[in-house]
Protein backbone atom coordinates (compact mmCIF):
# COMPACT_ATOMS: atom_id res chain seq x y z
CA MET A 1 136.07 118.38 142.51
CA ALA A 2 135.68 118.84 138.46
CA PHE A 3 132.88 116.33 138.15
CA ASP A 4 130.59 116.36 141.11
CA LEU A 5 127.97 114.28 139.44
CA ALA A 6 126.25 113.19 142.53
CA ALA A 7 125.53 116.92 143.46
CA ASP A 8 123.98 117.58 139.87
CA LEU A 9 121.90 114.67 140.29
CA ALA A 10 120.72 115.34 143.89
CA ALA A 11 119.81 118.95 142.48
CA ARG A 12 117.92 117.56 139.85
CA ARG A 13 115.82 115.68 141.93
CA GLU A 14 115.15 118.44 144.48
CA GLN A 15 113.56 120.31 141.39
CA HIS A 16 111.17 117.20 140.89
CA ARG A 17 112.86 117.01 137.32
CA TYR A 18 114.35 113.70 137.82
CA ARG A 19 113.63 111.00 135.13
CA GLN A 20 113.53 107.33 135.19
CA PRO A 21 112.79 105.04 132.83
CA VAL A 22 109.59 102.76 133.60
CA ILE A 23 110.39 99.31 132.51
CA GLN A 24 107.48 98.16 130.35
CA ASP A 25 106.76 94.28 130.35
CA GLY A 26 104.17 94.08 127.31
CA PRO A 27 104.14 95.49 123.88
CA CYS A 28 103.02 99.23 122.87
CA GLY A 29 99.26 99.63 122.46
CA ARG A 30 96.12 100.21 124.60
CA TYR A 31 97.54 98.72 128.08
CA ALA A 32 100.94 99.10 129.56
CA VAL A 33 102.33 96.37 131.57
CA VAL A 34 104.54 97.48 134.48
CA GLU A 35 105.57 95.50 137.70
CA GLY A 36 102.99 92.85 136.89
CA ARG A 37 100.22 95.52 136.56
CA ARG A 38 97.89 96.58 133.67
CA TYR A 39 97.63 100.04 132.88
CA LEU A 40 95.50 102.01 130.29
CA ASN A 41 98.14 103.78 128.36
CA PHE A 42 97.99 107.46 127.74
CA CYS A 43 101.70 108.55 126.84
CA SER A 44 102.69 106.61 123.74
CA ASN A 45 102.98 108.01 120.49
CA ASP A 46 101.28 105.07 118.98
CA TYR A 47 98.35 107.29 117.28
CA LEU A 48 97.33 104.99 114.73
CA GLY A 49 97.63 101.88 116.91
CA LEU A 50 99.70 100.17 114.33
CA ALA A 51 102.88 99.28 116.75
CA ASN A 52 101.30 95.75 117.90
CA ASP A 53 98.75 95.58 114.69
CA PRO A 54 98.85 92.03 113.73
CA ALA A 55 99.75 92.54 109.80
CA VAL A 56 102.65 94.68 111.07
CA ILE A 57 103.69 91.87 113.14
CA ASN A 58 103.60 88.99 110.56
CA ALA A 59 105.60 91.18 107.95
CA PHE A 60 108.37 91.99 110.33
CA GLN A 61 108.58 88.28 111.19
CA GLY A 62 108.67 87.07 107.90
CA ALA A 63 111.01 89.67 106.83
CA VAL A 64 113.68 88.85 109.62
CA ALA A 65 113.40 84.85 108.07
CA ASP A 66 114.18 86.32 104.90
CA TRP A 67 116.76 89.36 105.87
CA GLY A 68 117.91 88.75 109.50
CA VAL A 69 118.00 90.33 112.40
CA GLY A 70 120.51 93.02 111.26
CA SER A 71 121.85 94.95 108.28
CA GLY A 72 125.17 94.48 108.71
CA ALA A 73 127.04 97.86 107.94
CA SER A 74 126.03 101.64 106.63
CA HIS A 75 123.65 102.00 103.76
CA LEU A 76 126.98 103.36 101.78
CA VAL A 77 128.95 99.78 102.70
CA CYS A 78 126.85 96.43 102.30
CA GLY A 79 123.89 97.44 104.54
CA HIS A 80 121.45 98.64 102.25
CA GLN A 81 119.12 95.86 101.66
CA ARG A 82 116.24 95.87 98.97
CA PRO A 83 113.32 96.55 101.49
CA HIS A 84 115.34 99.72 102.39
CA GLN A 85 115.03 100.71 98.80
CA GLN A 86 111.53 99.70 98.36
CA LEU A 87 110.40 101.80 101.68
CA GLU A 88 112.29 105.30 100.40
CA GLU A 89 110.33 104.70 97.15
CA ALA A 90 107.20 103.97 98.55
CA LEU A 91 107.88 107.31 101.04
CA ALA A 92 109.11 109.39 98.27
CA ASP A 93 105.49 107.99 96.36
CA HIS A 94 103.14 108.60 99.15
CA LEU A 95 104.63 112.21 100.14
CA GLY A 96 104.49 113.73 96.29
CA ARG A 97 108.44 113.90 96.65
CA GLU A 98 111.33 112.67 94.26
CA SER A 99 113.31 110.91 96.71
CA ALA A 100 113.21 109.85 100.36
CA LEU A 101 116.37 108.74 102.58
CA LEU A 102 116.57 106.78 105.69
CA PHE A 103 117.66 107.08 108.72
CA SER A 104 117.78 105.25 111.79
CA ASN A 105 115.82 107.83 113.98
CA GLY A 106 114.61 111.85 113.87
CA TYR A 107 117.34 112.86 115.94
CA MET A 108 120.00 111.72 113.36
CA ALA A 109 117.74 113.13 110.53
CA ASN A 110 117.56 116.49 111.80
CA LEU A 111 121.22 116.63 112.62
CA GLY A 112 122.39 115.29 109.34
CA VAL A 113 120.46 117.62 107.50
CA MET A 114 121.23 120.68 109.13
CA THR A 115 124.82 120.01 109.46
CA ALA A 116 125.06 119.07 105.50
CA LEU A 117 122.99 121.92 104.33
CA LEU A 118 124.45 124.95 106.59
CA GLY A 119 127.94 126.15 107.65
CA LYS A 120 129.59 129.50 108.72
CA GLY A 121 128.04 132.30 106.76
CA ASP A 122 124.74 130.65 106.77
CA ALA A 123 121.80 131.33 109.06
CA VAL A 124 119.30 128.92 110.52
CA PHE A 125 115.92 130.05 111.81
CA HIS A 126 114.11 128.03 115.00
CA ASP A 127 110.72 128.51 116.31
CA ARG A 128 111.30 128.73 119.88
CA LEU A 129 109.18 125.55 120.83
CA ASN A 130 110.71 123.07 118.13
CA HIS A 131 111.92 119.75 119.50
CA ALA A 132 115.46 119.50 120.99
CA SER A 133 116.86 117.50 117.88
CA LEU A 134 115.92 120.63 115.39
CA LEU A 135 117.60 123.00 118.12
CA ASP A 136 120.47 120.59 118.43
CA GLY A 137 121.43 120.29 114.48
CA GLY A 138 120.89 124.13 114.44
CA LEU A 139 123.55 124.80 117.05
CA LEU A 140 125.72 121.87 115.47
CA SER A 141 125.55 123.33 112.00
CA GLY A 142 127.92 126.09 112.72
CA ALA A 143 125.41 128.35 111.32
CA ARG A 144 123.98 131.52 113.03
CA PHE A 145 121.51 130.56 115.07
CA ARG A 146 118.08 132.31 115.56
CA ARG A 147 114.99 131.83 117.61
CA PHE A 148 111.55 133.33 116.78
CA ALA A 149 108.34 133.67 118.86
CA HIS A 150 106.17 130.44 118.83
CA ASN A 151 104.04 130.05 115.77
CA ASP A 152 104.64 134.00 114.72
CA ALA A 153 105.49 134.38 110.82
CA SER A 154 105.68 138.28 111.32
CA ALA A 155 108.85 137.76 113.87
CA LEU A 156 110.28 134.92 111.57
CA ARG A 157 109.70 137.62 108.53
CA GLY A 158 111.24 140.26 110.30
CA GLN A 159 114.46 138.11 111.12
CA LEU A 160 114.92 136.80 107.41
CA GLN A 161 114.61 140.56 106.34
CA ARG A 162 117.58 141.36 108.31
CA SER A 163 119.32 138.26 107.55
CA ASP A 164 122.55 138.99 105.00
CA ALA A 165 123.47 134.99 105.42
CA ARG A 166 124.61 133.01 102.21
CA ARG A 167 122.08 130.59 102.99
CA LYS A 168 118.97 130.70 105.18
CA LEU A 169 117.18 127.52 106.41
CA VAL A 170 113.91 128.14 108.42
CA VAL A 171 113.02 125.28 110.84
CA THR A 172 109.91 123.90 112.42
CA ASP A 173 108.13 121.31 113.94
CA GLY A 174 104.59 120.46 111.81
CA VAL A 175 103.04 119.49 115.05
CA PHE A 176 104.52 120.57 118.33
CA SER A 177 105.11 117.47 120.63
CA MET A 178 104.44 119.06 124.26
CA ASP A 179 101.48 121.31 123.01
CA GLY A 180 99.98 119.64 120.25
CA ASP A 181 99.11 122.62 118.28
CA VAL A 182 100.20 123.03 114.43
CA ALA A 183 102.73 125.47 113.21
CA PRO A 184 101.21 128.09 110.36
CA LEU A 185 103.19 126.98 107.33
CA SER A 186 101.50 128.59 104.84
CA ASP A 187 102.50 131.98 106.48
CA TYR A 188 106.21 130.47 106.91
CA ALA A 189 106.35 129.58 103.41
CA ALA A 190 105.28 132.91 102.25
CA ALA A 191 108.03 134.46 104.58
CA CYS A 192 110.44 132.03 102.96
CA ASP A 193 109.45 132.89 99.21
CA ASP A 194 109.65 136.44 99.90
CA ASN A 195 113.30 136.53 101.45
CA ASP A 196 115.16 133.73 99.29
CA ALA A 197 114.96 131.02 102.48
CA TRP A 198 113.92 127.17 102.48
CA LEU A 199 111.64 126.09 105.04
CA MET A 200 112.03 122.72 106.89
CA VAL A 201 109.51 120.77 108.45
CA ASP A 202 109.73 117.96 110.90
CA ASP A 203 106.57 116.12 110.83
CA ALA A 204 107.42 113.58 113.52
CA HIS A 205 103.78 113.95 115.09
CA GLY A 206 101.81 114.79 111.91
CA LEU A 207 102.63 111.86 109.40
CA GLY A 208 99.97 109.48 109.55
CA VAL A 209 97.54 111.65 111.46
CA LEU A 210 96.88 114.77 109.52
CA ASP A 211 95.38 114.87 105.93
CA ALA A 212 92.81 112.22 104.60
CA GLN A 213 95.50 109.76 103.60
CA GLY A 214 97.92 110.79 106.60
CA ARG A 215 100.23 112.43 104.56
CA GLY A 216 100.90 114.96 107.25
CA SER A 217 100.86 118.80 107.97
CA VAL A 218 102.33 119.65 104.86
CA VAL A 219 99.73 118.42 102.61
CA ALA A 220 97.09 119.12 105.09
CA GLN A 221 97.97 122.59 105.09
CA GLY A 222 98.24 122.70 101.27
CA VAL A 223 101.85 123.89 101.35
CA ASN A 224 103.43 120.48 99.95
CA GLU A 225 105.42 122.09 96.78
CA ARG A 226 106.68 125.02 98.96
CA VAL A 227 108.47 122.79 101.83
CA PRO A 228 112.04 121.52 100.31
CA VAL A 229 113.09 119.57 103.13
CA LEU A 230 110.55 117.20 105.03
CA MET A 231 111.42 115.32 107.67
CA GLY A 232 109.15 112.18 109.26
CA THR A 233 109.55 109.65 111.65
CA LEU A 234 108.46 105.72 111.64
CA GLY A 235 107.97 105.51 115.13
CA LYS A 236 104.89 107.25 115.55
CA GLY A 237 102.20 107.54 113.62
CA LEU A 238 103.46 104.71 111.70
CA GLY A 239 104.25 102.51 114.83
CA THR A 240 107.45 101.11 113.74
CA ALA A 241 111.15 102.58 114.07
CA GLY A 242 113.57 105.29 112.43
CA ALA A 243 113.05 108.26 110.27
CA PHE A 244 113.51 109.74 106.91
CA VAL A 245 114.16 113.32 104.76
CA ALA A 246 111.90 113.86 101.69
CA GLY A 247 112.52 116.09 98.72
CA SER A 248 114.51 116.55 95.41
CA HIS A 249 116.67 114.39 93.80
CA VAL A 250 119.36 116.85 94.53
CA LEU A 251 118.74 117.40 98.35
CA ILE A 252 118.60 113.66 98.88
CA GLU A 253 121.93 113.19 96.89
CA THR A 254 123.47 116.11 98.88
CA LEU A 255 122.61 114.32 101.93
CA ILE A 256 124.04 111.01 100.84
CA GLN A 257 127.22 112.66 100.24
CA PHE A 258 127.66 115.24 103.23
CA ALA A 259 125.17 114.09 106.25
CA ARG A 260 127.34 112.20 108.37
CA THR A 261 124.50 111.08 110.61
CA TYR A 262 123.76 108.57 107.65
CA ILE A 263 127.14 107.93 105.92
CA TYR A 264 128.57 106.88 109.24
CA THR A 265 125.94 104.49 110.95
CA THR A 266 125.03 101.20 110.69
CA ALA A 267 121.22 100.90 108.48
CA MET A 268 117.99 99.84 110.06
CA PRO A 269 117.32 96.31 110.20
CA ALA A 270 115.37 95.30 106.66
CA ALA A 271 112.84 93.63 108.77
CA VAL A 272 111.66 97.09 109.96
CA ALA A 273 111.68 98.54 106.54
CA SER A 274 109.32 95.42 105.61
CA ALA A 275 107.21 96.20 108.50
CA THR A 276 106.74 99.90 107.63
CA LEU A 277 105.66 99.17 104.19
CA VAL A 278 102.73 97.58 105.51
CA SER A 279 102.02 100.29 108.19
CA LEU A 280 102.63 102.51 105.67
CA SER A 281 99.73 100.77 103.48
CA LYS A 282 97.51 100.76 106.31
CA ALA A 283 97.96 104.35 107.38
CA ARG A 284 97.01 105.44 103.97
CA GLU A 285 94.26 103.16 103.16
CA GLU A 286 92.51 102.50 106.55
CA HIS A 287 90.64 105.90 107.01
CA TRP A 288 88.80 104.59 110.18
CA ARG A 289 91.89 105.05 112.15
CA ARG A 290 92.28 109.07 111.91
CA GLU A 291 87.91 109.30 112.12
CA LYS A 292 88.36 107.29 115.26
CA LEU A 293 90.94 109.68 116.65
CA VAL A 294 88.85 112.63 116.01
CA VAL A 295 86.05 111.23 117.76
CA LEU A 296 88.14 110.38 120.71
CA ILE A 297 90.06 113.97 120.56
CA GLN A 298 86.83 115.65 120.96
CA ARG A 299 84.97 113.48 123.59
CA PHE A 300 88.04 114.01 125.77
CA ARG A 301 88.40 117.99 125.12
CA ALA A 302 84.89 118.14 125.98
CA GLY A 303 84.84 116.27 129.23
CA ALA A 304 88.44 117.81 130.09
CA ALA A 305 87.12 121.02 129.61
CA GLN A 306 83.75 120.41 131.72
CA LEU A 307 86.00 119.19 134.51
CA GLY A 308 87.71 122.81 134.54
CA PHE A 309 91.18 121.68 133.11
CA THR A 310 93.65 124.20 131.14
CA LEU A 311 93.68 122.48 127.71
CA MET A 312 96.07 123.58 125.05
CA ASP A 313 95.35 124.65 121.42
CA SER A 314 95.26 121.32 120.24
CA ALA A 315 93.31 119.45 117.45
CA THR A 316 95.91 116.56 117.56
CA PRO A 317 96.18 113.18 119.54
CA ILE A 318 98.05 114.94 121.94
CA GLN A 319 96.24 116.99 124.44
CA PRO A 320 98.28 118.22 127.52
CA LEU A 321 96.94 119.34 130.58
CA LEU A 322 98.37 122.32 131.78
CA ILE A 323 99.34 122.13 135.90
CA GLY A 324 102.11 124.50 136.22
CA ALA A 325 104.55 123.34 139.08
CA ASP A 326 106.58 120.27 138.49
CA GLN A 327 105.52 118.70 142.21
CA GLN A 328 102.13 119.15 141.41
CA ALA A 329 102.38 117.25 137.94
CA MET A 330 104.47 114.65 139.49
CA VAL A 331 102.03 113.94 142.11
CA LEU A 332 98.87 114.10 139.64
CA SER A 333 100.85 111.74 137.64
CA GLN A 334 101.55 109.05 140.40
CA GLN A 335 97.64 109.47 141.58
CA LEU A 336 96.42 108.60 138.03
CA ARG A 337 98.94 105.42 138.12
CA GLU A 338 97.24 104.30 141.03
CA GLN A 339 93.90 104.64 139.26
CA GLY A 340 95.32 102.54 136.64
CA PHE A 341 96.38 104.97 134.19
CA LEU A 342 99.97 105.81 132.52
CA ILE A 343 100.42 109.40 131.98
CA THR A 344 103.70 111.04 132.16
CA ALA A 345 104.27 114.42 133.67
CA ILE A 346 106.32 116.52 131.38
CA ARG A 347 108.60 118.81 133.39
CA PRO A 348 111.40 121.16 132.21
CA PRO A 349 113.79 121.45 130.45
CA THR A 350 111.65 119.72 128.24
CA VAL A 351 109.26 122.29 128.60
CA PRO A 352 109.62 126.06 130.00
CA ASP A 353 109.75 126.72 133.70
CA GLY A 354 106.01 126.84 135.16
CA GLN A 355 104.48 124.95 132.50
CA ALA A 356 104.91 121.25 133.84
CA ARG A 357 101.96 119.34 132.42
CA LEU A 358 100.61 116.12 131.80
CA ARG A 359 100.96 114.86 128.33
CA VAL A 360 97.63 112.83 127.50
CA THR A 361 98.10 111.29 124.02
CA LEU A 362 95.14 109.31 122.20
CA SER A 363 95.39 106.63 119.87
CA ALA A 364 93.16 104.76 117.54
CA ALA A 365 93.48 101.37 119.83
CA HIS A 366 91.80 103.42 122.61
CA GLU A 367 88.14 102.82 122.91
CA GLU A 368 85.51 105.58 123.99
CA SER A 369 85.29 103.89 127.04
CA ASP A 370 88.90 104.51 127.80
CA VAL A 371 88.48 108.07 127.66
CA ASP A 372 85.45 108.15 129.52
CA ALA A 373 87.43 106.34 132.52
CA LEU A 374 90.22 108.64 132.14
CA LEU A 375 88.03 111.40 132.62
CA ALA A 376 86.21 109.82 135.77
CA ALA A 377 90.11 109.27 137.16
CA LEU A 378 90.82 112.72 136.53
CA GLU A 379 87.90 114.06 138.40
CA LYS A 380 88.63 111.71 141.32
CA VAL A 381 92.21 112.75 141.98
CA GLY A 382 91.20 116.56 141.42
CA CYS A 383 93.44 117.29 138.88
CA ARG A 384 91.88 120.83 138.03
CA THR A 385 93.16 124.32 137.05
CA SER A 386 92.38 125.51 140.83
CA ASP A 387 94.72 122.82 142.39
CA VAL A 388 97.60 124.22 140.82
CA GLY A 389 100.26 125.14 143.52
CA ARG A 390 98.65 123.81 146.31
């Protein structure tokens, strides 16, 4: 049979890589409610604790009353409402860019950018650990597709020097979603400057978290003016939904004309844009959220190291515990769930073979006592480096 789907599913189960959604019966926040039980939630990307913030909720509810629950059309037909425009202008101002453009989600933003800017005769260069949406955007663009070793600026420079492409676009995450480490953006920018290339940064996991005002990786590393294409998402640090691309007027006008994932999809609800205006302001002004995150991150890393865990090289809220074997990661995730903690086991193909992990994510919604409780639970279930492969 040409489409033996059941065999494919069975094979994935045997590999301990079968995935299913966990139905949540409560809002995103410090706690998750699943099947009537409350868990401390250590696997959301709500880094600043804004997804269930009362002021953000009030802004959303008020905007629903004013603008309805749907935009009704794409931006270029009649779906671009005043809150969309206000949010685009606020994002551009916040990030020191001439313009910004909203997309329905980060996946569509990344596909839209690369398919609009690149084609045959061009080349795109990817960090090996880039997010799937970046990789897919590069593959769909029709450009020559190149990958370089993770965070290796010298490898990138060599590839750029050997390329004779018409346009050369270097693409990287600002903060890598599965490892939590950051890209060496200054070195990448230098390689681009020397080889007539553009740098695109997906800062989905840096926006709101890095820099004193939450402006993300490119500002924190002092390369904002050297990154022509900046993508960010609204559903992580800012707590709402959607994404944007920020850059020059010419870049944004180009995307409006040629980015199919922008042109041919319904605009996000205006109420989401209105809520994001409030969460953006809170992310910028409420410095205590980032300060609290720093304390929680340091507390967790110190405790996990003392227990003998293998930590990744991360100073961000993404704090994976490297386990190795897929089955072992699944077992430990379930054992933690029995102790009252929701933590996802990340397995291939999301991460490389042999690098399954528990992806612990911290939020300003957490308390220090939550971190201490998690560390106690980890010690109890025996999730140590020495347990890998048992």
